[in-house]
C-alpha atoms as a PDB file:
ATOM      1  CA  MET A   1     108.675 126.365  93.868  1.00  0.00           C
ATOM      2  CA  GLY A   2     108.700 122.671  93.199  1.00  0.00           C
ATOM      3  CA  PHE A   3     108.644 120.469  90.118  1.00  0.00           C
ATOM      4  CA  ASN A   4     105.536 121.156  87.727  1.00  0.00           C
ATOM      5  CA  PHE A   5     105.076 118.021  85.452  1.00  0.00           C
ATOM      6  CA  ARG A   6     103.077 120.002  83.040  1.00  0.00           C
ATOM      7  CA  GLN A   7     105.407 122.673  82.398  1.00  0.00           C
ATOM      8  CA  ALA A   8     108.248 119.931  81.923  1.00  0.00           C
ATOM      9  CA  LEU A   9     106.239 118.209  79.675  1.00  0.00           C
ATOM     10  CA  LYS A  10     105.828 120.611  77.351  1.00  0.00           C
ATOM     11  CA  GLU A  11     109.513 121.540  77.674  1.00  0.00           C
ATOM     12  CA  ASN A  12     110.432 117.954  76.835  1.00  0.00           C
ATOM     13  CA  GLY A  13     108.760 117.089  73.848  1.00  0.00           C
ATOM     14  CA  GLY A  14     105.252 116.693  74.852  1.00  0.00           C
ATOM     15  CA  VAL A  15     103.097 113.596  75.647  1.00  0.00           C
ATOM     16  CA  ASN A  16     103.868 111.762  72.447  1.00  0.00           C
ATOM     17  CA  ALA A  17     107.540 112.035  73.097  1.00  0.00           C
ATOM     18  CA  LEU A  18     107.397 110.877  76.910  1.00  0.00           C
ATOM     19  CA  ALA A  19     104.862 108.073  75.869  1.00  0.00           C
ATOM     20  CA  THR A  20     107.503 106.933  73.387  1.00  0.00           C
ATOM     21  CA  ALA A  21     110.565 107.029  75.683  1.00  0.00           C
ATOM     22  CA  VAL A  22     109.014 105.136  78.775  1.00  0.00           C
ATOM     23  CA  ARG A  23     106.852 103.113  76.582  1.00  0.00           C
ATOM     24  CA  VAL A  24     103.414 103.677  77.809  1.00  0.00           C
ATOM     25  CA  SER A  25     100.243 105.280  75.658  1.00  0.00           C
ATOM     26  CA  HIS A  26     100.262 108.860  75.557  1.00  0.00           C
ATOM     27  CA  GLN A  27      96.481 108.407  76.971  1.00  0.00           C
ATOM     28  CA  ALA A  28      97.929 107.247  80.071  1.00  0.00           C
ATOM     29  CA  ILE A  29     100.604 109.934  80.069  1.00  0.00           C
ATOM     30  CA  SER A  30      97.641 112.354  79.775  1.00  0.00           C
ATOM     31  CA  GLN A  31      96.071 111.434  82.819  1.00  0.00           C
ATOM     32  CA  TRP A  32      99.007 111.827  85.054  1.00  0.00           C
ATOM     33  CA  ARG A  33      98.825 114.758  87.217  1.00  0.00           C
ATOM     34  CA  GLU A  34     102.478 113.767  88.316  1.00  0.00           C
ATOM     35  CA  VAL A  35     104.902 110.449  87.548  1.00  0.00           C
ATOM     36  CA  PRO A  36     103.696 107.788  89.079  1.00  0.00           C
ATOM     37  CA  PRO A  37     106.033 106.247  91.455  1.00  0.00           C
ATOM     38  CA  LYS A  38     107.002 103.026  89.116  1.00  0.00           C
ATOM     39  CA  ARG A  39     107.567 105.252  86.213  1.00  0.00           C
ATOM     40  CA  VAL A  40     110.197 108.050  87.821  1.00  0.00           C
ATOM     41  CA  LEU A  41     113.354 106.029  86.826  1.00  0.00           C
ATOM     42  CA  ALA A  42     112.192 106.079  83.329  1.00  0.00           C
ATOM     43  CA  VAL A  43     111.066 109.709  83.020  1.00  0.00           C
ATOM     44  CA  GLU A  44     114.485 110.504  85.051  1.00  0.00           C
ATOM     45  CA  LYS A  45     116.415 108.930  82.401  1.00  0.00           C
ATOM     46  CA  ALA A  46     114.020 109.808  79.127  1.00  0.00           C
ATOM     47  CA  TRP A  47     114.487 113.771  80.161  1.00  0.00           C
ATOM     48  CA  GLY A  48     117.593 114.073  82.440  1.00  0.00           C
ATOM     49  CA  ILE A  49     115.731 115.309  85.349  1.00  0.00           C
ATOM     50  CA  SER A  50     116.768 114.232  88.846  1.00  0.00           C
ATOM     51  CA  ARG A  51     114.384 111.820  90.565  1.00  0.00           C
ATOM     52  CA  HIS A  52     114.526 113.844  93.717  1.00  0.00           C
ATOM     53  CA  LEU A  53     112.707 117.051  91.746  1.00  0.00           C
ATOM     54  CA  ILE A  54     110.478 114.825  89.899  1.00  0.00           C
ATOM     55  CA  ARG A  55     108.801 113.211  93.087  1.00  0.00           C
ATOM     56  CA  PRO A  56     110.677 114.520  96.270  1.00  0.00           C
ATOM     57  CA  ASP A  57     107.652 113.080  98.287  1.00  0.00           C
ATOM     58  CA  ILE A  58     109.520 109.838  97.365  1.00  0.00           C
ATOM     59  CA  TYR A  59     112.883 110.423  97.090  1.00  0.00           C
ATOM     60  CA  GLY A  60     113.775 113.084  98.968  1.00  0.00           C
ATOM     61  CA  PRO A  61     115.557 116.183  98.541  1.00  0.00           C
ATOM     62  CA  GLU A  62     118.220 116.450  95.947  1.00  0.00           C
ATOM     63  CA  PRO A  63     121.577 115.283  97.924  1.00  0.00           C
ATOM     64  CA  SER A  64     124.031 117.714  97.615  1.00  0.00           C
ATOM     65  CA  ALA A  65     128.157 115.589  97.742  1.00  0.00           C
ATOM     66  CA  ALA A  66     129.152 119.029  98.845  1.00  0.00           C
ATOM     67  CA  SER A  67     127.163 119.216 102.100  1.00  0.00           C
ATOM     68  CA  ASN A  68     126.852 115.551 102.657  1.00  0.00           C
ATOM     69  CA  PRO A  69     130.430 113.693 101.924  1.00  0.00           C
ATOM     70  CA  SER A  70     130.817 109.886 102.520  1.00  0.00           C
ATOM     71  CA  PRO A  71     132.749 109.787 106.036  1.00  0.00           C
ATOM     72  CA  CYS A  72     134.773 106.678 104.239  1.00  0.00           C
ATOM     73  CA  ASN A  73     136.299 108.451 101.375  1.00  0.00           C
ATOM     74  CA  THR A  74     136.711 112.380 102.891  1.00  0.00           C
ATOM     75  CA  ALA A  75     139.971 111.627 104.749  1.00  0.00           C
ATOM     76  CA  ALA A  76     141.756 109.938 101.907  1.00  0.00           C
ATOM     77  CA  ARG A  77     140.430 112.503  99.527  1.00  0.00           C
ATOM     78  CA  GLU A  78     141.946 115.552 101.585  1.00  0.00           C
ATOM     79  CA  ALA A  79     145.063 113.307 101.898  1.00  0.00           C
ATOM     80  CA  GLY A  80     145.513 113.077  98.449  1.00  0.00           C
ATOM     81  CA  SER A  81     145.340 108.933  98.523  1.00  0.00           C
ATOM     82  CA  SER A  82     143.755 106.246  96.397  1.00  0.00           C
ATOM     83  CA  HIS A  83     144.193 103.882  99.295  1.00  0.00           C
ATOM     84  CA  ASP A  84     141.253 101.293  99.388  1.00  0.00           C
ATOM     85  CA  PRO A  85     139.059 101.704 102.609  1.00  0.00           C
ATOM     86  CA  ASN A  86     138.109  98.145 102.105  1.00  0.00           C
ATOM     87  CA  PRO A  87     141.552  95.974 101.276  1.00  0.00           C
ATOM     88  CA  ASP A  88     139.957  92.671 102.303  1.00  0.00           C
ATOM     89  CA  ILE A  89     137.014  92.685  99.832  1.00  0.00           C
ATOM     90  CA  ALA A  90     138.080  91.292  96.593  1.00  0.00           C
ATOM     91  CA  PRO A  91     136.946  92.914  93.296  1.00  0.00           C
ATOM     92  CA  ARG A  92     133.452  91.356  92.103  1.00  0.00           C
ATOM     93  CA  GLN A  93     134.325  89.350  89.068  1.00  0.00           C
ATOM     94  CA  SER A  94     131.728  88.361  86.088  1.00  0.00           C
ATOM     95  CA  ALA A  95     129.606  85.466  86.451  1.00  0.00           C
ATOM     96  CA  TYR A  96     130.874  84.640  83.121  1.00  0.00           C
ATOM     97  CA  ALA A  97     134.476  84.931  83.992  1.00  0.00           C
ATOM     98  CA  SER A  98     134.905  81.764  84.660  1.00  0.00           C
ATOM     99  CA  HIS A  99     133.040  79.755  81.889  1.00  0.00           C
ATOM    100  CA  ALA A 100     135.230  80.340  79.395  1.00  0.00           C
ATOM    101  CA  PRO A 101     135.154  77.558  76.487  1.00  0.00           C
ATOM    102  CA  ALA A 102     137.017  74.867  77.195  1.00  0.00           C
ATOM    103  CA  SER A 103     139.385  73.774  74.263  1.00  0.00           C
ATOM    104  CA  SER A 104     137.887  70.171  73.250  1.00  0.00           C
ATOM    105  CA  PRO A 105     139.955  67.489  71.919  1.00  0.00           C
ATOM    106  CA  GLU A 106     140.026  67.146  68.201  1.00  0.00           C
ATOM    107  CA  ARG A 107     137.699  64.382  66.697  1.00  0.00           C
ATOM    108  CA  GLU A 108     138.936  61.246  64.542  1.00  0.00           C
ATOM    109  CA  VAL A 109     136.608  61.288  61.529  1.00  0.00           C
END
């Protein structure tokens, strides 16, 4: 059995609770037969239900980490290594890191 929007709505506080959480009118939610594509991520966050369950027609079936391991990390994980698979890529720094306030010279009065 697939995801039942109306049942999930009842179990998660109703129309008004979802309307408040995703910032749309309760009238709009009352018209939904399923979660609209542009609201899926907000509903996922509000309810804690995977987007893959809410709209499998868009996001596909729920991925399983055990059945689909990343090939980059599998060998290192099995060997118990914490080796960085991409040593030539520097960690990303914040855009604000280089914009520290410069010390200003003291003014004479």
